[in-house]
């Protein structure tokens, strides 16, 4: 008698997929995107998450880290932030294969701290989601309407 586990199509899953999935999730990949990368359906990705704990953990970690980075960047946009702009100069030759200059041959000539002001749109979006009872768009719909109806209930000629 054939063993139950021997039936069906063999899995396409490989142990190295866990690390690859984590990297793709760090770049914002969804389960559908992972399926495309591995040549399988979203349903198969969900099955792999159930069958392979390492794969599930890698996907969760990648998505969590990506979400935290985006949340931090969005928060900075809401409140404003400072960043350092570095200017480098020197005689480095242009490298056509990289499309740039060799930074190792350039020296830092100045560092300027720039302030990026808060983005009101980002802040409002944040508040609408965090405190919808105070910040959601209020829409007033006037349901009152006038109806002019004339009815003739007399005998009709027939």
N, C-alpha and C. Protein backbone atom coordinates (compact mmCIF):
# COMPACT_ATOMS: atom_id res chain seq x y z
N UNK A 1 0.84 -1.19 0.00
CA UNK A 1 0.00 0.00 0.00
C UNK A 1 0.89 1.25 0.00
N UNK A 2 0.50 2.22 -0.79
CA UNK A 2 1.29 3.45 -0.96
C UNK A 2 1.18 4.33 0.29
N UNK A 3 2.30 4.91 0.70
CA UNK A 3 2.34 5.80 1.85
C UNK A 3 1.65 7.12 1.50
N UNK A 4 0.82 7.65 2.41
CA UNK A 4 0.09 8.91 2.20
C UNK A 4 1.02 10.05 1.83
N UNK A 5 2.18 10.12 2.49
CA UNK A 5 3.07 11.26 2.26
C UNK A 5 3.75 11.21 0.90
N UNK A 6 3.68 10.10 0.21
CA UNK A 6 4.31 9.96 -1.10
C UNK A 6 3.41 10.40 -2.24
N UNK A 7 2.13 10.67 -1.95
CA UNK A 7 1.20 11.05 -3.00
C UNK A 7 1.29 12.53 -3.31
N UNK A 8 0.83 12.91 -4.49
CA UNK A 8 0.78 14.32 -4.87
C UNK A 8 2.06 14.77 -5.54
N UNK A 9 2.05 16.02 -5.92
CA UNK A 9 3.20 16.61 -6.59
C UNK A 9 4.29 16.91 -5.56
N UNK A 10 5.54 16.58 -5.86
CA UNK A 10 6.61 16.91 -4.92
C UNK A 10 6.71 18.43 -4.74
N UNK A 11 7.07 18.86 -3.54
CA UNK A 11 7.15 20.29 -3.26
C UNK A 11 8.32 20.93 -4.01
N UNK A 12 8.12 22.17 -4.40
CA UNK A 12 9.19 22.94 -5.04
C UNK A 12 10.04 23.64 -3.97
N UNK A 13 9.62 23.53 -2.71
CA UNK A 13 10.30 24.24 -1.64
C UNK A 13 11.72 23.73 -1.45
N UNK A 14 12.63 24.68 -1.21
CA UNK A 14 14.02 24.38 -0.88
C UNK A 14 14.36 25.16 0.38
N UNK A 15 15.17 24.60 1.28
CA UNK A 15 15.49 25.30 2.54
C UNK A 15 16.06 26.70 2.35
N UNK A 16 16.79 26.93 1.26
CA UNK A 16 17.37 28.28 1.05
C UNK A 16 16.31 29.33 0.74
N UNK A 17 15.08 28.90 0.46
CA UNK A 17 14.00 29.85 0.17
C UNK A 17 13.68 30.73 1.38
N UNK A 18 13.93 30.23 2.59
CA UNK A 18 13.63 31.03 3.79
C UNK A 18 14.42 32.34 3.78
N UNK A 19 15.73 32.24 3.55
CA UNK A 19 16.57 33.44 3.54
C UNK A 19 16.23 34.35 2.36
N UNK A 20 15.93 33.75 1.22
CA UNK A 20 15.57 34.54 0.04
C UNK A 20 14.26 35.29 0.28
N UNK A 21 13.28 34.59 0.87
CA UNK A 21 11.98 35.21 1.16
C UNK A 21 12.15 36.39 2.12
N UNK A 22 13.00 36.24 3.12
CA UNK A 22 13.24 37.32 4.08
C UNK A 22 13.76 38.56 3.35
N UNK A 23 14.71 38.36 2.45
CA UNK A 23 15.27 39.49 1.71
C UNK A 23 14.22 40.17 0.84
N UNK A 24 13.41 39.37 0.16
CA UNK A 24 12.35 39.96 -0.67
C UNK A 24 11.34 40.72 0.19
N UNK A 25 11.01 40.16 1.37
CA UNK A 25 10.06 40.85 2.26
C UNK A 25 10.65 42.15 2.79
N UNK A 26 11.96 42.20 3.00
CA UNK A 26 12.61 43.45 3.41
C UNK A 26 12.44 44.52 2.34
N UNK A 27 12.29 44.10 1.10
CA UNK A 27 12.10 45.04 -0.01
C UNK A 27 10.62 45.31 -0.26
N UNK A 28 9.74 44.80 0.61
CA UNK A 28 8.32 45.11 0.50
C UNK A 28 7.49 44.07 -0.22
N UNK A 29 8.03 42.89 -0.47
CA UNK A 29 7.29 41.86 -1.19
C UNK A 29 6.09 41.36 -0.40
N UNK A 30 5.00 41.10 -1.11
CA UNK A 30 3.81 40.47 -0.53
C UNK A 30 3.90 38.97 -0.80
N UNK A 31 2.94 38.22 -0.26
CA UNK A 31 2.92 36.78 -0.52
C UNK A 31 2.73 36.50 -2.01
N UNK A 32 1.95 37.33 -2.68
CA UNK A 32 1.76 37.17 -4.13
C UNK A 32 3.10 37.37 -4.84
N UNK A 33 3.86 38.40 -4.42
CA UNK A 33 5.18 38.66 -5.01
C UNK A 33 6.13 37.49 -4.77
N UNK A 34 6.08 36.92 -3.56
CA UNK A 34 6.93 35.76 -3.26
C UNK A 34 6.58 34.60 -4.18
N UNK A 35 5.29 34.38 -4.38
CA UNK A 35 4.86 33.32 -5.28
C UNK A 35 5.44 33.50 -6.67
N UNK A 36 5.41 34.73 -7.16
CA UNK A 36 5.97 35.01 -8.50
C UNK A 36 7.47 34.72 -8.53
N UNK A 37 8.18 35.11 -7.47
CA UNK A 37 9.63 34.89 -7.42
C UNK A 37 9.98 33.40 -7.42
N UNK A 38 9.17 32.61 -6.71
CA UNK A 38 9.46 31.18 -6.60
C UNK A 38 8.71 30.34 -7.63
N UNK A 39 7.90 30.99 -8.47
CA UNK A 39 7.18 30.27 -9.51
C UNK A 39 6.04 29.41 -9.00
N UNK A 40 5.40 29.88 -7.92
CA UNK A 40 4.27 29.16 -7.34
C UNK A 40 3.14 30.14 -7.05
N UNK A 41 2.00 29.62 -6.61
CA UNK A 41 0.86 30.47 -6.30
C UNK A 41 0.95 31.01 -4.87
N UNK A 42 0.11 32.00 -4.58
CA UNK A 42 0.04 32.53 -3.22
C UNK A 42 -0.40 31.43 -2.26
N UNK A 43 -1.28 30.56 -2.71
CA UNK A 43 -1.75 29.44 -1.88
C UNK A 43 -0.58 28.55 -1.48
N UNK A 44 0.32 28.30 -2.42
CA UNK A 44 1.50 27.49 -2.11
C UNK A 44 2.38 28.19 -1.09
N UNK A 45 2.55 29.50 -1.23
CA UNK A 45 3.34 30.26 -0.24
C UNK A 45 2.71 30.08 1.14
N UNK A 46 1.38 30.19 1.23
CA UNK A 46 0.69 30.00 2.51
C UNK A 46 0.89 28.58 3.04
N UNK A 47 0.88 27.59 2.15
CA UNK A 47 1.13 26.21 2.58
C UNK A 47 2.55 26.05 3.10
N UNK A 48 3.51 26.67 2.42
CA UNK A 48 4.90 26.61 2.88
C UNK A 48 5.03 27.23 4.26
N UNK A 49 4.30 28.32 4.51
CA UNK A 49 4.37 28.97 5.83
C UNK A 49 3.84 28.03 6.91
N UNK A 50 2.86 27.20 6.56
CA UNK A 50 2.32 26.23 7.53
C UNK A 50 3.26 25.04 7.71
N UNK A 51 3.90 24.60 6.63
CA UNK A 51 4.72 23.39 6.66
C UNK A 51 6.16 23.63 7.12
N UNK A 52 6.69 24.80 6.89
CA UNK A 52 8.11 25.07 7.15
C UNK A 52 8.25 26.26 8.10
N UNK A 53 8.43 25.98 9.40
CA UNK A 53 8.52 27.07 10.39
C UNK A 53 9.62 28.09 10.09
N UNK A 54 10.75 27.64 9.55
CA UNK A 54 11.83 28.59 9.21
C UNK A 54 11.38 29.58 8.13
N UNK A 55 10.64 29.08 7.17
CA UNK A 55 10.13 29.93 6.09
C UNK A 55 9.17 30.97 6.67
N UNK A 56 8.23 30.51 7.51
CA UNK A 56 7.27 31.42 8.14
C UNK A 56 8.00 32.49 8.94
N UNK A 57 8.97 32.07 9.75
CA UNK A 57 9.70 33.03 10.58
C UNK A 57 10.44 34.05 9.73
N UNK A 58 11.05 33.61 8.65
CA UNK A 58 11.78 34.52 7.76
C UNK A 58 10.86 35.54 7.11
N UNK A 59 9.70 35.08 6.65
CA UNK A 59 8.73 35.98 6.03
C UNK A 59 8.25 37.01 7.05
N UNK A 60 7.92 36.54 8.26
CA UNK A 60 7.45 37.46 9.32
C UNK A 60 8.52 38.50 9.66
N UNK A 61 9.76 38.04 9.83
CA UNK A 61 10.85 38.97 10.17
C UNK A 61 11.06 40.01 9.08
N UNK A 62 11.12 39.55 7.85
CA UNK A 62 11.34 40.47 6.73
C UNK A 62 10.25 41.52 6.64
N UNK A 63 9.00 41.09 6.77
CA UNK A 63 7.87 42.03 6.69
C UNK A 63 7.87 42.99 7.88
N UNK A 64 8.17 42.47 9.07
CA UNK A 64 8.17 43.32 10.27
C UNK A 64 9.25 44.39 10.17
N UNK A 65 10.45 44.00 9.78
CA UNK A 65 11.55 44.97 9.67
C UNK A 65 11.22 46.02 8.62
N UNK A 66 10.70 45.59 7.47
CA UNK A 66 10.33 46.54 6.42
C UNK A 66 9.26 47.50 6.92
N UNK A 67 8.24 46.97 7.59
CA UNK A 67 7.16 47.82 8.10
C UNK A 67 7.67 48.81 9.14
N UNK A 68 8.58 48.35 10.00
CA UNK A 68 9.13 49.25 11.02
C UNK A 68 9.95 50.37 10.38
N UNK A 69 10.72 50.04 9.36
CA UNK A 69 11.52 51.07 8.68
C UNK A 69 10.63 52.11 8.00
N UNK A 70 9.57 51.63 7.36
CA UNK A 70 8.64 52.56 6.69
C UNK A 70 7.92 53.41 7.74
N UNK A 71 7.50 52.78 8.83
CA UNK A 71 6.81 53.53 9.89
C UNK A 71 7.72 54.61 10.47
N UNK A 72 8.98 54.28 10.68
CA UNK A 72 9.92 55.27 11.21
C UNK A 72 10.12 56.43 10.23
N UNK A 73 10.28 56.10 8.95
CA UNK A 73 10.46 57.15 7.94
C UNK A 73 9.21 58.02 7.83
N UNK A 74 8.04 57.39 7.88
CA UNK A 74 6.78 58.14 7.81
C UNK A 74 6.64 59.05 9.03
N UNK A 75 6.98 58.53 10.21
CA UNK A 75 6.91 59.32 11.43
C UNK A 75 7.83 60.55 11.32
N UNK A 76 9.03 60.35 10.81
CA UNK A 76 9.95 61.48 10.63
C UNK A 76 9.36 62.52 9.68
N UNK A 77 8.69 62.06 8.62
CA UNK A 77 8.04 62.99 7.68
C UNK A 77 6.97 63.80 8.40
N UNK A 78 6.29 63.18 9.34
CA UNK A 78 5.21 63.86 10.06
C UNK A 78 5.73 64.94 11.00
N UNK A 79 6.85 64.68 11.66
CA UNK A 79 7.32 65.62 12.68
C UNK A 79 8.49 66.50 12.22
N UNK A 80 9.05 66.20 11.06
CA UNK A 80 10.23 66.92 10.59
C UNK A 80 11.49 66.26 11.13
N UNK A 81 12.60 66.45 10.44
CA UNK A 81 13.84 65.82 10.87
C UNK A 81 15.04 66.52 10.25
N UNK A 82 16.20 66.25 10.82
CA UNK A 82 17.46 66.77 10.29
C UNK A 82 18.22 65.63 9.63
N UNK A 83 18.98 65.97 8.59
CA UNK A 83 19.88 64.98 8.00
C UNK A 83 21.14 65.69 7.54
N UNK A 84 22.20 64.90 7.41
CA UNK A 84 23.50 65.45 7.02
C UNK A 84 23.71 65.22 5.53
N UNK A 85 23.99 66.31 4.83
CA UNK A 85 24.29 66.23 3.40
C UNK A 85 25.81 66.35 3.25
N UNK A 86 26.41 65.31 2.70
CA UNK A 86 27.87 65.25 2.56
C UNK A 86 28.27 65.59 1.13
N UNK A 87 29.22 66.52 1.00
CA UNK A 87 29.76 66.87 -0.32
C UNK A 87 31.18 66.31 -0.40
N UNK A 88 31.44 65.59 -1.49
CA UNK A 88 32.78 65.00 -1.71
C UNK A 88 33.36 65.59 -2.99
N UNK A 89 34.66 65.83 -2.96
CA UNK A 89 35.35 66.35 -4.15
C UNK A 89 36.67 65.63 -4.32
N UNK A 90 37.20 65.72 -5.51
CA UNK A 90 38.48 65.09 -5.79
C UNK A 90 38.63 64.85 -7.27
N UNK A 91 39.64 64.09 -7.63
CA UNK A 91 39.92 63.82 -9.03
C UNK A 91 39.63 62.37 -9.40
N UNK A 92 38.60 61.81 -8.87
CA UNK A 92 38.26 60.42 -9.19
C UNK A 92 37.74 60.33 -10.61
N UNK A 93 38.22 59.35 -11.37
CA UNK A 93 37.72 59.19 -12.74
C UNK A 93 36.31 58.60 -12.73
N UNK A 94 35.55 58.97 -13.74
CA UNK A 94 34.20 58.44 -13.90
C UNK A 94 34.30 56.97 -14.27
N UNK A 95 33.50 56.13 -13.62
CA UNK A 95 33.49 54.70 -13.90
C UNK A 95 32.23 54.37 -14.68
N UNK A 96 32.33 54.10 -15.98
CA UNK A 96 31.12 53.86 -16.78
C UNK A 96 30.37 52.59 -16.38
N UNK A 97 31.08 51.61 -15.81
CA UNK A 97 30.39 50.37 -15.43
C UNK A 97 29.46 50.58 -14.24
N UNK A 98 29.81 51.49 -13.33
CA UNK A 98 28.94 51.77 -12.18
C UNK A 98 28.11 53.02 -12.40
N UNK A 99 28.50 53.83 -13.38
CA UNK A 99 27.76 55.07 -13.65
C UNK A 99 28.06 56.15 -12.64
N UNK A 100 29.19 56.04 -11.93
CA UNK A 100 29.52 57.04 -10.93
C UNK A 100 31.02 57.17 -10.74
N UNK A 101 31.40 57.77 -9.62
CA UNK A 101 32.80 58.00 -9.31
C UNK A 101 33.18 57.11 -8.14
N UNK A 102 34.44 56.76 -8.05
CA UNK A 102 34.93 55.94 -6.94
C UNK A 102 35.00 56.81 -5.69
N UNK A 103 34.08 56.57 -4.75
CA UNK A 103 34.01 57.41 -3.55
C UNK A 103 35.28 57.32 -2.71
N UNK A 104 36.01 56.21 -2.84
CA UNK A 104 37.24 56.05 -2.07
C UNK A 104 38.28 57.09 -2.48
N UNK A 105 38.19 57.57 -3.72
CA UNK A 105 39.16 58.56 -4.21
C UNK A 105 38.68 60.00 -4.00
N UNK A 106 37.48 60.16 -3.48
CA UNK A 106 36.94 61.50 -3.22
C UNK A 106 37.08 61.80 -1.73
N UNK A 107 37.34 63.05 -1.41
CA UNK A 107 37.43 63.42 0.00
C UNK A 107 36.25 64.32 0.37
N UNK A 108 35.83 64.19 1.61
CA UNK A 108 34.71 64.99 2.11
C UNK A 108 35.18 66.43 2.26
N UNK A 109 34.48 67.33 1.60
CA UNK A 109 34.85 68.75 1.69
C UNK A 109 33.93 69.52 2.62
N UNK A 110 32.68 69.07 2.75
CA UNK A 110 31.80 69.73 3.72
C UNK A 110 30.62 68.83 4.07
N UNK A 111 30.13 69.05 5.28
CA UNK A 111 28.95 68.35 5.76
C UNK A 111 27.98 69.42 6.22
N UNK A 112 26.80 69.44 5.63
CA UNK A 112 25.79 70.43 5.96
C UNK A 112 24.60 69.72 6.60
N UNK A 113 24.15 70.22 7.74
CA UNK A 113 22.96 69.67 8.38
C UNK A 113 21.76 70.42 7.83
N UNK A 114 20.84 69.66 7.26
CA UNK A 114 19.64 70.27 6.69
C UNK A 114 18.43 69.81 7.48
N UNK A 115 17.47 70.72 7.61
CA UNK A 115 16.23 70.42 8.31
C UNK A 115 15.12 70.22 7.27
N UNK A 116 14.45 69.10 7.36
CA UNK A 116 13.30 68.81 6.51
C UNK A 116 12.06 69.08 7.35
N UNK A 117 11.25 70.08 6.99
CA UNK A 117 10.09 70.43 7.82
C UNK A 117 9.02 69.34 7.78
N UNK A 118 8.13 69.35 8.78
CA UNK A 118 7.04 68.37 8.80
C UNK A 118 6.17 68.48 7.55
N UNK A 119 5.64 67.37 7.14
CA UNK A 119 4.73 67.31 6.00
C UNK A 119 3.31 67.26 6.57
N UNK A 120 2.55 68.34 6.37
CA UNK A 120 1.20 68.44 6.95
C UNK A 120 0.30 67.31 6.46
N UNK A 121 0.42 66.93 5.20
CA UNK A 121 -0.40 65.84 4.66
C UNK A 121 -0.10 64.52 5.34
N UNK A 122 1.18 64.25 5.55
CA UNK A 122 1.57 63.01 6.23
C UNK A 122 1.07 63.02 7.68
N UNK A 123 1.21 64.17 8.35
CA UNK A 123 0.75 64.26 9.74
C UNK A 123 -0.76 64.06 9.84
N UNK A 124 -1.51 64.66 8.93
CA UNK A 124 -2.97 64.51 8.95
C UNK A 124 -3.35 63.05 8.69
N UNK A 125 -2.67 62.41 7.76
CA UNK A 125 -2.93 61.00 7.48
C UNK A 125 -2.68 60.16 8.73
N UNK A 126 -1.60 60.44 9.43
CA UNK A 126 -1.25 59.74 10.66
C UNK A 126 -2.37 59.93 11.70
N UNK A 127 -2.78 61.18 11.90
CA UNK A 127 -3.81 61.46 12.90
C UNK A 127 -5.15 60.82 12.54
N UNK A 128 -5.52 60.84 11.27
CA UNK A 128 -6.79 60.22 10.85
C UNK A 128 -6.81 58.73 11.16
N UNK A 129 -5.64 58.09 11.05
CA UNK A 129 -5.57 56.66 11.32
C UNK A 129 -5.41 56.35 12.80
N UNK A 130 -4.70 57.19 13.52
CA UNK A 130 -4.47 56.94 14.95
C UNK A 130 -5.63 57.39 15.82
N UNK A 131 -6.29 58.50 15.44
CA UNK A 131 -7.38 59.05 16.23
C UNK A 131 -8.55 59.41 15.31
N UNK A 132 -9.17 58.42 14.68
CA UNK A 132 -10.22 58.73 13.70
C UNK A 132 -11.41 59.48 14.29
N UNK A 133 -11.69 59.26 15.57
CA UNK A 133 -12.83 59.94 16.18
C UNK A 133 -12.62 61.45 16.24
N UNK A 134 -11.37 61.90 16.25
CA UNK A 134 -11.07 63.33 16.30
C UNK A 134 -10.69 63.94 14.95
N UNK A 135 -10.18 63.13 14.03
CA UNK A 135 -9.57 63.68 12.83
C UNK A 135 -10.17 63.23 11.51
N UNK A 136 -11.11 62.31 11.53
CA UNK A 136 -11.65 61.83 10.24
C UNK A 136 -12.40 62.95 9.53
N UNK A 137 -12.50 62.83 8.23
CA UNK A 137 -13.26 63.80 7.45
C UNK A 137 -14.73 63.62 7.79
N UNK A 138 -15.36 64.71 8.17
CA UNK A 138 -16.78 64.65 8.50
C UNK A 138 -17.57 65.04 7.26
N UNK A 139 -18.49 64.18 6.90
CA UNK A 139 -19.31 64.43 5.72
C UNK A 139 -20.74 64.60 6.20
N UNK A 140 -21.34 65.74 5.85
CA UNK A 140 -22.73 66.00 6.21
C UNK A 140 -23.59 65.75 4.98
N UNK A 141 -24.52 64.83 5.13
CA UNK A 141 -25.43 64.52 4.02
C UNK A 141 -26.82 65.00 4.42
N UNK A 142 -27.38 65.90 3.63
CA UNK A 142 -28.72 66.42 3.88
C UNK A 142 -29.72 65.51 3.19
N UNK A 143 -30.48 64.78 4.00
CA UNK A 143 -31.45 63.84 3.45
C UNK A 143 -32.84 64.45 3.30
N UNK A 144 -32.98 65.69 3.72
CA UNK A 144 -34.28 66.35 3.58
C UNK A 144 -34.52 66.68 2.11
N UNK A 145 -35.72 66.41 1.65
CA UNK A 145 -36.07 66.69 0.26
C UNK A 145 -37.53 67.09 0.19
N UNK A 146 -37.85 67.91 -0.79
CA UNK A 146 -39.24 68.30 -1.02
C UNK A 146 -39.82 67.44 -2.11
N UNK A 147 -41.03 66.97 -1.88
CA UNK A 147 -41.72 66.18 -2.90
C UNK A 147 -43.02 66.88 -3.23
N UNK A 148 -43.23 67.16 -4.49
CA UNK A 148 -44.47 67.77 -4.96
C UNK A 148 -45.23 66.68 -5.69
N UNK A 149 -46.34 66.23 -5.07
CA UNK A 149 -47.09 65.11 -5.63
C UNK A 149 -48.54 65.52 -5.82
N UNK A 150 -49.05 65.34 -7.00
CA UNK A 150 -50.45 65.63 -7.29
C UNK A 150 -51.11 64.32 -7.67
N UNK A 151 -52.23 64.02 -6.99
CA UNK A 151 -52.93 62.77 -7.30
C UNK A 151 -54.37 63.10 -7.69
N UNK A 152 -54.85 62.46 -8.68
CA UNK A 152 -56.23 62.62 -9.12
C UNK A 152 -56.95 61.32 -8.78
N UNK A 153 -57.88 61.39 -7.80
CA UNK A 153 -58.59 60.20 -7.36
C UNK A 153 -60.01 60.12 -7.92
N UNK A 154 -60.34 61.02 -8.81
CA UNK A 154 -61.69 61.03 -9.38
C UNK A 154 -61.91 59.90 -10.37
N UNK A 155 -63.18 59.79 -10.84
CA UNK A 155 -63.51 58.77 -11.85
C UNK A 155 -62.74 59.05 -13.12
N UNK A 156 -62.22 58.03 -13.67
CA UNK A 156 -61.55 58.20 -14.96
C UNK A 156 -62.50 57.74 -16.04
N UNK A 157 -62.43 58.40 -17.16
CA UNK A 157 -63.30 58.03 -18.27
C UNK A 157 -62.78 56.74 -18.87
N UNK A 158 -63.66 55.86 -19.16
CA UNK A 158 -63.21 54.59 -19.66
C UNK A 158 -63.95 54.10 -20.74
